[in-house]
Every structure is written in C-alpha cells, then in structure tokens.
Protein backbone atom coordinates (compact mmCIF):
# COMPACT_ATOMS: atom_id res chain seq x y z
CA MET A 1 -10.62 13.54 16.47
CA HIS A 2 -10.92 15.37 13.20
CA SER A 3 -12.44 18.80 13.21
CA PHE A 4 -15.24 19.41 10.79
CA ILE A 5 -14.75 22.06 8.15
CA SER A 6 -17.99 23.86 7.47
CA PRO A 7 -19.09 24.48 3.86
CA SER A 8 -17.81 28.05 4.23
CA GLY A 9 -14.33 26.65 4.91
CA THR A 10 -14.02 27.59 8.58
CA PRO A 11 -13.08 24.91 11.09
CA ASN A 12 -15.69 24.02 13.70
CA GLU A 13 -15.60 21.85 16.75
CA THR A 14 -16.27 18.25 15.93
CA HIS A 15 -19.98 18.05 15.26
CA PRO A 16 -21.81 15.46 17.40
CA ALA A 17 -23.14 13.72 14.29
CA LEU A 18 -19.61 13.46 12.90
CA ARG A 19 -18.38 12.02 16.21
CA LYS A 20 -21.13 9.39 16.08
CA LEU A 21 -20.25 8.65 12.47
CA GLN A 22 -16.60 8.24 13.40
CA HIS A 23 -17.47 5.85 16.24
CA LEU A 24 -19.66 3.81 13.92
CA GLY A 25 -16.87 3.87 11.36
CA HIS A 26 -14.46 2.35 13.89
CA LEU A 27 -17.02 -0.31 14.73
CA MET A 28 -17.55 -1.07 11.04
CA ARG A 29 -13.79 -1.36 10.49
CA ALA A 30 -13.53 -3.86 13.34
CA LEU A 31 -16.55 -5.83 12.15
CA SER A 32 -15.45 -5.94 8.50
CA ALA A 33 -11.91 -7.01 9.43
CA GLY A 34 -13.30 -9.61 11.81
CA TYR A 35 -15.66 -10.88 9.12
CA ALA A 36 -12.85 -11.23 6.56
CA ILE A 37 -10.70 -13.11 9.09
CA TRP A 38 -13.60 -15.33 10.12
CA VAL A 39 -14.42 -16.21 6.49
CA LEU A 40 -10.76 -17.03 5.79
CA TRP A 41 -10.60 -19.20 8.90
CA SER A 42 -13.84 -20.96 7.90
CA ILE A 43 -12.52 -21.69 4.40
CA LEU A 44 -9.18 -23.01 5.65
CA ASN A 45 -10.75 -24.93 8.53
CA TRP A 46 -13.17 -26.69 6.17
CA TRP A 47 -10.94 -27.53 3.20
CA THR A 48 -7.86 -28.58 5.22
CA ASP A 49 -9.80 -31.23 7.16
CA THR A 50 -9.56 -33.99 4.55
CA GLU A 51 -11.62 -36.59 6.39
CA ARG A 52 -14.46 -34.18 7.12
CA VAL A 53 -14.55 -32.83 3.55
CA LEU A 54 -14.60 -36.28 1.96
CA LYS A 55 -17.27 -37.57 4.36
CA ASN A 56 -19.58 -34.54 4.52
CA TYR A 57 -19.19 -33.41 0.91
CA GLY A 58 -19.60 -37.03 -0.17
CA ASN A 59 -22.92 -37.14 1.71
CA TYR A 60 -23.89 -33.80 0.13
CA VAL A 61 -23.31 -35.02 -3.45
CA GLY A 62 -24.33 -38.61 -2.71
CA ARG A 63 -21.02 -40.15 -3.76
CA ASP A 64 -18.11 -41.94 -2.11
CA LEU A 65 -15.20 -39.51 -2.26
CA GLY A 66 -12.76 -41.71 -0.33
CA ALA A 67 -10.51 -42.20 -3.38
CA ALA A 68 -10.29 -38.49 -4.24
CA ALA A 69 -6.77 -37.13 -4.66
CA ASP A 70 -5.50 -34.25 -2.52
CA TRP A 71 -5.52 -31.86 -5.49
CA GLN A 72 -9.27 -32.47 -5.86
CA ARG A 73 -9.77 -30.97 -2.40
CA LEU A 74 -7.16 -28.25 -2.81
CA ALA A 75 -8.55 -26.97 -6.14
CA PRO A 76 -11.93 -26.04 -4.57
CA LEU A 77 -9.96 -24.48 -1.71
CA GLY A 78 -8.21 -22.30 -4.30
CA LEU A 79 -11.57 -21.28 -5.77
CA ASP A 80 -12.86 -20.30 -2.33
CA LEU A 81 -9.67 -18.32 -1.68
CA ALA A 82 -10.24 -16.44 -4.95
CA THR A 83 -13.70 -15.41 -3.74
CA TRP A 84 -12.21 -14.50 -0.37
CA PHE A 85 -9.69 -12.23 -2.11
CA LEU A 86 -12.62 -10.29 -3.65
CA LEU A 87 -14.08 -10.00 -0.16
CA LEU A 88 -10.76 -8.68 1.13
CA VAL A 89 -10.62 -6.02 -1.61
CA ALA A 90 -14.21 -5.02 -0.72
CA VAL A 91 -13.17 -4.65 2.93
CA VAL A 92 -10.18 -2.51 1.95
CA HIS A 93 -12.47 -0.19 -0.04
CA CYS A 94 -14.88 -0.15 2.92
CA TRP A 95 -12.04 1.05 5.15
CA LYS A 96 -11.04 3.71 2.63
CA PHE A 97 -14.66 4.87 2.42
CA LEU A 98 -14.90 5.09 6.21
CA ARG A 99 -11.66 7.09 6.38
CA GLN A 100 -12.92 9.53 3.74
CA ILE A 101 -16.29 10.24 5.35
CA SER A 102 -14.59 11.46 8.51
CA GLN A 103 -12.74 14.09 6.46
CA PRO A 104 -13.92 17.50 5.21
CA LEU A 105 -16.57 17.61 2.48
CA ALA A 106 -13.95 17.88 -0.27
CA ALA A 107 -13.04 14.22 0.33
CA PHE A 108 -16.61 12.96 -0.06
CA ASN A 109 -16.30 12.43 -3.82
CA LEU A 110 -13.46 10.01 -3.15
CA ALA A 111 -15.59 8.41 -0.45
CA SER A 112 -18.37 7.64 -2.94
CA PHE A 113 -15.78 6.10 -5.29
CA HIS A 114 -14.58 3.74 -2.55
CA LEU A 115 -18.12 2.87 -1.50
CA SER A 116 -19.10 1.92 -5.04
CA ARG A 117 -15.91 -0.17 -5.41
CA CYS A 118 -16.69 -1.87 -2.11
CA ALA A 119 -20.16 -2.73 -3.39
CA TRP A 120 -18.93 -3.99 -6.78
CA TYR A 121 -16.26 -6.21 -5.21
CA ALA A 122 -18.81 -7.56 -2.72
CA ILE A 123 -21.21 -8.32 -5.60
CA GLY A 124 -18.37 -10.02 -7.48
CA CYS A 125 -17.48 -12.07 -4.41
CA GLN A 126 -21.07 -13.23 -3.95
CA ALA A 127 -21.58 -14.00 -7.65
CA LEU A 128 -18.33 -15.95 -7.87
CA SER A 129 -19.14 -17.82 -4.67
CA ILE A 130 -22.44 -19.01 -6.16
CA ALA A 131 -20.96 -19.71 -9.60
CA ILE A 132 -18.11 -21.94 -8.40
CA ARG A 133 -20.27 -24.36 -6.43
CA PRO A 134 -20.97 -26.69 -9.38
CA LEU A 135 -17.29 -26.64 -10.33
CA GLN A 136 -16.28 -27.55 -6.79
CA SER A 137 -18.61 -30.55 -6.76
CA TYR A 138 -17.32 -31.58 -10.19
CA LEU A 139 -13.68 -31.33 -9.08
CA LEU A 140 -14.37 -33.43 -5.99
CA THR A 141 -16.06 -36.14 -8.07
CA LEU A 142 -13.62 -36.05 -11.00
CA HIS A 143 -12.00 -39.34 -9.94
CA LEU A 144 -15.32 -41.15 -10.44
CA ALA A 145 -16.62 -42.62 -13.68
CA VAL A 146 -18.11 -40.02 -16.05
CA GLY A 147 -21.69 -41.02 -15.20
CA GLU A 148 -20.99 -40.63 -11.47
CA GLN A 149 -19.46 -37.15 -11.65
CA VAL A 150 -21.62 -34.39 -10.17
CA TRP A 151 -22.26 -30.75 -11.09
CA LYS A 152 -24.31 -29.72 -8.07
CA TRP A 153 -25.48 -26.15 -7.87
CA ALA A 154 -27.00 -24.70 -4.73
CA PHE A 155 -28.64 -21.39 -3.97
CA ARG A 156 -29.13 -20.81 -0.26
CA PRO A 157 -31.41 -18.29 1.50
CA ASN A 158 -28.41 -16.35 2.81
CA ASP A 159 -27.22 -15.97 -0.82
CA LEU A 160 -30.32 -13.94 -1.61
CA LEU A 161 -29.90 -11.87 1.57
CA THR A 162 -26.25 -11.17 0.75
CA ALA A 163 -27.10 -10.25 -2.85
CA MET A 164 -29.79 -7.86 -1.61
CA PHE A 165 -27.33 -6.28 0.84
CA CYS A 166 -24.69 -5.84 -1.88
CA ILE A 167 -27.18 -4.26 -4.28
CA ALA A 168 -28.46 -1.96 -1.51
CA LEU A 169 -24.86 -0.96 -0.80
CA LEU A 170 -24.35 -0.13 -4.49
CA MET A 171 -27.59 1.87 -4.55
CA PHE A 172 -26.43 3.77 -1.47
CA ALA A 173 -23.11 4.51 -3.20
CA TYR A 174 -24.93 5.97 -6.20
CA VAL A 175 -27.26 8.03 -4.01
CA PHE A 176 -24.25 9.22 -2.01
CA SER A 177 -22.44 10.24 -5.21
CA TRP A 178 -25.51 12.00 -6.56
CA THR A 179 -26.01 13.85 -3.26
CA MET A 180 -22.40 15.03 -3.30
CA GLU A 181 -22.84 16.30 -6.89
CA MET A 182 -25.97 18.20 -5.87
CA ALA A 183 -24.21 19.69 -2.83
CA GLU A 184 -21.33 20.81 -5.06
CA GLU A 185 -23.76 22.45 -7.50
CA ASN A 186 -25.57 24.21 -4.66
CA ARG A 187 -22.28 25.42 -3.21
CA SER A 188 -21.29 26.90 -6.59
CA PHE A 189 -24.50 28.97 -6.65
CA VAL A 190 -23.84 30.48 -3.22
C-alpha cells in the first residue's frame, strides 16, 4: 500500500478513501485488460472462421460471398485490428492513470494527462470502428460486379452508448485537470 502524503507534505497512514480508490483501480485494471483481450479474441474468432464470415456477412449484405478471396476477408480483419490497437493504447493510458492517482498529489497532473489520452484514444477507436464498416462491406463484395458491390454503413445502439461513455470520460479528464489546477493555485496561496 502507498501512504498518502498530505498537502502539507507529511506522510499519513493510508486514507480509507485512497484504499478504496486503489482497490477500484485494481478492479478497473483487470476489467480493462480483460475487455481488450475479449475484443481481440472476438475479432480473431469472427474473421478467421471463413465459412461463418462468408455465410453470415453474405446474409447481412444480401450477396453471395462464396467466391470471395481470402484477402477480402483478411483486409477487414486488418481494419478491425487497427481499431483494436487504438483500444489497447487507451487501456495502457487507463492503467497509467490508475497508477498515478494512487500516488501523492504531485503526480495528479500526470494522471489527468493519461486520462485525457485514454479518452481520446477510446474516441478514436469508436470513430474508426464506425467509419470502417462500409469499407469492410465493400472489400467483402469487391469480387462481385460493380453494380453488386455494397457499401453498407451501420450505426448500432451500443455505438451511441460507447460514444457517450468516451465523451463523458473526456469531460471527466478535463474536470480532473481543472480541479488539479485549482488545488495547485489554492496551495500556492497558503
């Protein structure tokens, strides 16, 4: 356990609120790592099952994808992996944020930096995920005649929920940063 340094600079016993925050931080680390692993597994599990992709995605776009080449399935996989990489970077910044908030107040400015980066990478991941959907459907139907190729865009209810969460996270990062600036100003007056 880390000891909490009071604003006057003297070490205290670990404050109960800080202990709770540390426990929640450990839980959030486990959940965020688990989420990143689960998303990666979902991406790989979906795109590496050729028969399922061609059948289910063919039903989704209303086309026969049986003659699609392997690269047509692997290219959308690459696009999903690019979005997953943004998610992974967001998780790394989440972990750095959680490590910083369990430190003395001097580290809180760095914590707000990592929280805002986490939010921006999460927003980028969500935006890219939505933006690549038409390209994925186009790539999977590229073997068809020009009139049969599909650019299918979809916006799902969970997309809106995720976007709202990411924006709320960014707002929290800005409030956190502003609060730390105000605390620093108040400390300079004392």
